[in-house]
Amino acid sequence: MNSKKLPISSTPIIGYVVHAFPLSIIFNYDKCMPWFSCNYIQLICRTTLRNNFFDFFTLCTATEIPWVGSIYPGIPWLNTHSIDNYTLIDCNININRSIINSLMRDNYIVCHLDEYYVPNRPTYQKEHFFHENMIYGFDNDKKEYDILGFDSKGIFNSTKISYDEFEQASSDLATHNHDIKLLHIKDDFTYDLDLNCIKNSLLDYLNGENSSSKYTILRNPTTDFAYGIDIYEQLIKYLKLLHNNVGVNDIRPFHLLWEHKKCMVIRIEYLMKKYTGTVCDLEAIKDEYITIQQICFSIRNLFLKFNMTKRVEIIEKIIPLLEDVCDREQSIIPRFITEIERLEKA
């Protein structure tokens, strides 16, 4: 076989590749939608407001909560394992041959690459910077891979890298203690929609519950995070620090907030489709969440503008918008929960 390209799909979450890569795989399959609809509801925010402080609360999060020593924990649709790069070196294994063979066995490959050597990346030929990329295809005639990651314009996109460039970009993986991760979609796994799971997650979000306390079999509960509706207070606190010229500008919390609302709309649309014909108020709830999504998109764009101009009056515009979103969610989520309870009885 001279070439192969595994399927990838657009994903509603790209703020962190820890979500974007696995979702770009499983979103190819409608059978994964019941599981997705039961996840990506809770949000988490580190109260120190430092170091990847905002994310979805899942067993796979960028906030560096030490869950379990596995790859993408909590995503049951993927078989995953890793290869220590020292093993490739010790066994004198050609990395390109190993990557191609893995792709031929329908494995997606996620690994850190030195983007100094990766074309169409912000630091290409400028700066040595390691970042994760996902390889999903190869072409032996052109001697290049298809990879997924953030391109030179900061867009999550598919690009190409030659075999030689890839070998250069991956040559220091062992030195930086990075493994190669292999992801393979499970054909035999099933997951039925769990309305009670959605309802309980919404309740946790609405009440600001520490969701990590439900996983004490894996680790002790977190003590320095806000959850759910309480994240708005932390985001406002963060903005006030920036207003006073304290802290580092980070667009990701506001981008992820917008993506959270996109996920809520997708969830509601999925329930409407699944329960077509059932008398409920999901249409009105979806319309309200579309409005919330649009407000969060405006917040994201305003913060981008602040990043470029450093005009503090922009922050003064963002804070009341966040307060508005918080108020709207505190109003609409109880209605959403009521509709789910109605669906449970249908």
Foldseek 3Di string as FASTA:
>chain_A
DQKDFFQFAADLDDLDVLPGVVRRRPVVDPLCVLVLLLALQKKKAFLVNDQQGIDGDALRTRSPDCFDPDRSPRRVQKDKDWDQVVVCVVVVPDPVVVCVVLLVVVKKKKWWWQCCLPAQDLCPVNDGDIDIKIWGMAGNVQQKTWIFDQGNVRDGDIDIHHNVSRCVGCVCCNVVRMIMMIIHGDPPDGDHRDLVSNLVSLVCQLVQNQVCCVVVVGPHGDDRMTMHLCVLVSVLVVLVCLLVVHDDQDLSNLSNVLSSLVSVLVSLVVVCVVPPPDDADSVVLSVLSVVLSVLSVVLSVLSVVCVVVVDSVSSVVNSVSSVVSSVSSNVSSVRVSVRSVVVVVD
